[in-house]
Amino acid sequence: MVLRFFDNCGKIVRIMAKKNNTKRKLVGLVSEESGVRAYYTKKNTMNTPDKLSLKKYDPVLRKHVVFTETKKNLGRNEVKEKKR
């Protein structure tokens, strides 16, 4: 995709659009204690294939708790059970 803009002199300048990096995925972080999805982050799936677990501030409980990774497009704010 090529974008065209005019510079200060009136000449047409071509700028290439930035390519989307598919290795980074957008994931939601869900609180283990309250079940609220309060944070979203990007994760490189090549470097970290397993789920993220971060200790962050939970605004519902008003304290720091462990947040685990879920998919961004889940319709509900809860962690899915693993199939064994």
C-alpha atoms as a PDB file:
ATOM      1  CA  MET A   1       0.000   0.000   0.000  1.00  0.00           C
ATOM      2  CA  VAL A   2       1.409   3.362  -1.011  1.00  0.00           C
ATOM      3  CA  LEU A   3       0.271   6.585   0.610  1.00  0.00           C
ATOM      4  CA  ARG A   4       0.620   9.850  -1.289  1.00  0.00           C
ATOM      5  CA  PHE A   5       1.046  13.230   0.402  1.00  0.00           C
ATOM      6  CA  PHE A   6       2.031  16.720  -0.731  1.00  0.00           C
ATOM      7  CA  ASP A   7       5.151  18.225   0.824  1.00  0.00           C
ATOM      8  CA  ASN A   8       5.806  21.951   1.457  1.00  0.00           C
ATOM      9  CA  CYS A   9       6.751  22.625  -2.177  1.00  0.00           C
ATOM     10  CA  GLY A  10       3.618  21.012  -3.612  1.00  0.00           C
ATOM     11  CA  LYS A  11       5.381  17.869  -4.856  1.00  0.00           C
ATOM     12  CA  ILE A  12       3.793  14.456  -4.377  1.00  0.00           C
ATOM     13  CA  VAL A  13       5.685  12.313  -1.862  1.00  0.00           C
ATOM     14  CA  ARG A  14       5.173   8.549  -1.664  1.00  0.00           C
ATOM     15  CA  ILE A  15       5.332   6.861   1.718  1.00  0.00           C
ATOM     16  CA  MET A  16       5.138   3.110   2.140  1.00  0.00           C
ATOM     17  CA  ALA A  17       2.729   1.891   4.806  1.00  0.00           C
ATOM     18  CA  LYS A  18       4.176  -0.039   7.745  1.00  0.00           C
ATOM     19  CA  LYS A  19       3.770  -3.814   7.472  1.00  0.00           C
ATOM     20  CA  ASN A  20       1.911  -5.589  10.236  1.00  0.00           C
ATOM     21  CA  ASN A  21       4.173  -7.779  12.369  1.00  0.00           C
ATOM     22  CA  THR A  22       2.251 -11.023  12.832  1.00  0.00           C
ATOM     23  CA  LYS A  23       4.546 -12.440  15.541  1.00  0.00           C
ATOM     24  CA  ARG A  24       3.097 -10.079  18.156  1.00  0.00           C
ATOM     25  CA  LYS A  25      -0.402 -10.924  19.376  1.00  0.00           C
ATOM     26  CA  LEU A  26      -2.743  -8.822  21.500  1.00  0.00           C
ATOM     27  CA  VAL A  27      -3.749 -10.696  24.666  1.00  0.00           C
ATOM     28  CA  GLY A  28      -5.987  -9.834  27.597  1.00  0.00           C
ATOM     29  CA  LEU A  29      -4.917 -10.224  31.229  1.00  0.00           C
ATOM     30  CA  VAL A  30      -7.568 -11.558  33.638  1.00  0.00           C
ATOM     31  CA  SER A  31      -7.350 -11.316  37.421  1.00  0.00           C
ATOM     32  CA  GLU A  32      -7.270 -14.708  39.121  1.00  0.00           C
ATOM     33  CA  GLU A  33      -9.098 -13.440  42.216  1.00  0.00           C
ATOM     34  CA  SER A  34     -11.842 -11.183  40.836  1.00  0.00           C
ATOM     35  CA  GLY A  35     -12.083 -12.511  37.234  1.00  0.00           C
ATOM     36  CA  VAL A  36     -12.003  -9.015  35.694  1.00  0.00           C
ATOM     37  CA  ARG A  37     -10.077  -8.376  32.497  1.00  0.00           C
ATOM     38  CA  ALA A  38      -8.459  -5.026  33.246  1.00  0.00           C
ATOM     39  CA  TYR A  39      -5.287  -5.043  31.116  1.00  0.00           C
ATOM     40  CA  TYR A  40      -4.302  -5.743  27.513  1.00  0.00           C
ATOM     41  CA  THR A  41      -0.754  -6.245  26.286  1.00  0.00           C
ATOM     42  CA  LYS A  42       1.146  -7.453  23.232  1.00  0.00           C
ATOM     43  CA  LYS A  43       3.161 -10.645  23.385  1.00  0.00           C
ATOM     44  CA  ASN A  44       5.750 -12.113  21.032  1.00  0.00           C
ATOM     45  CA  THR A  45       4.524 -15.671  20.489  1.00  0.00           C
ATOM     46  CA  MET A  46       7.907 -16.873  19.197  1.00  0.00           C
ATOM     47  CA  ASN A  47       9.810 -15.936  22.385  1.00  0.00           C
ATOM     48  CA  THR A  48       7.115 -16.752  24.962  1.00  0.00           C
ATOM     49  CA  PRO A  49       4.860 -19.589  23.758  1.00  0.00           C
ATOM     50  CA  ASP A  50       3.404 -20.324  27.227  1.00  0.00           C
ATOM     51  CA  LYS A  51       0.844 -18.149  29.040  1.00  0.00           C
ATOM     52  CA  LEU A  52       1.849 -14.898  30.717  1.00  0.00           C
ATOM     53  CA  SER A  53       1.399 -14.443  34.467  1.00  0.00           C
ATOM     54  CA  LEU A  54       2.010 -10.925  35.750  1.00  0.00           C
ATOM     55  CA  LYS A  55       1.431  -9.353  39.131  1.00  0.00           C
ATOM     56  CA  LYS A  56      -0.533  -6.140  38.528  1.00  0.00           C
ATOM     57  CA  TYR A  57      -2.936  -3.825  40.330  1.00  0.00           C
ATOM     58  CA  ASP A  58      -6.583  -4.951  40.394  1.00  0.00           C
ATOM     59  CA  PRO A  59      -8.865  -1.880  40.442  1.00  0.00           C
ATOM     60  CA  VAL A  60     -11.863  -3.893  41.726  1.00  0.00           C
ATOM     61  CA  LEU A  61     -10.079  -5.373  44.749  1.00  0.00           C
ATOM     62  CA  ARG A  62      -7.721  -2.369  45.087  1.00  0.00           C
ATOM     63  CA  LYS A  63      -4.607  -4.496  45.629  1.00  0.00           C
ATOM     64  CA  HIS A  64      -1.922  -6.276  43.597  1.00  0.00           C
ATOM     65  CA  VAL A  65      -2.860  -9.770  42.370  1.00  0.00           C
ATOM     66  CA  VAL A  66      -1.707 -12.231  39.686  1.00  0.00           C
ATOM     67  CA  PHE A  67      -3.147 -11.713  36.194  1.00  0.00           C
ATOM     68  CA  THR A  68      -3.066 -14.538  33.621  1.00  0.00           C
ATOM     69  CA  GLU A  69      -3.280 -14.380  29.854  1.00  0.00           C
ATOM     70  CA  THR A  70      -6.440 -15.019  27.827  1.00  0.00           C
ATOM     71  CA  LYS A  71      -7.372 -14.309  24.230  1.00  0.00           C
ATOM     72  CA  LYS A  72      -8.382 -10.739  23.451  1.00  0.00           C
ATOM     73  CA  ASN A  73     -11.574 -11.721  21.628  1.00  0.00           C
ATOM     74  CA  LEU A  74     -13.239 -13.624  24.491  1.00  0.00           C
ATOM     75  CA  GLY A  75     -16.704 -12.306  25.155  1.00  0.00           C
ATOM     76  CA  ARG A  76     -16.593 -12.958  28.896  1.00  0.00           C
ATOM     77  CA  ASN A  77     -14.096 -11.929  31.547  1.00  0.00           C
ATOM     78  CA  GLU A  78     -13.049 -15.297  32.902  1.00  0.00           C
ATOM     79  CA  VAL A  79     -10.169 -17.724  32.405  1.00  0.00           C
ATOM     80  CA  LYS A  80     -10.924 -20.770  30.258  1.00  0.00           C
ATOM     81  CA  GLU A  81     -10.211 -24.179  31.804  1.00  0.00           C
ATOM     82  CA  LYS A  82      -7.414 -26.202  30.207  1.00  0.00           C
ATOM     83  CA  LYS A  83      -8.420 -29.422  28.463  1.00  0.00           C
ATOM     84  CA  ARG A  84      -6.372 -32.356  29.711  1.00  0.00           C
END
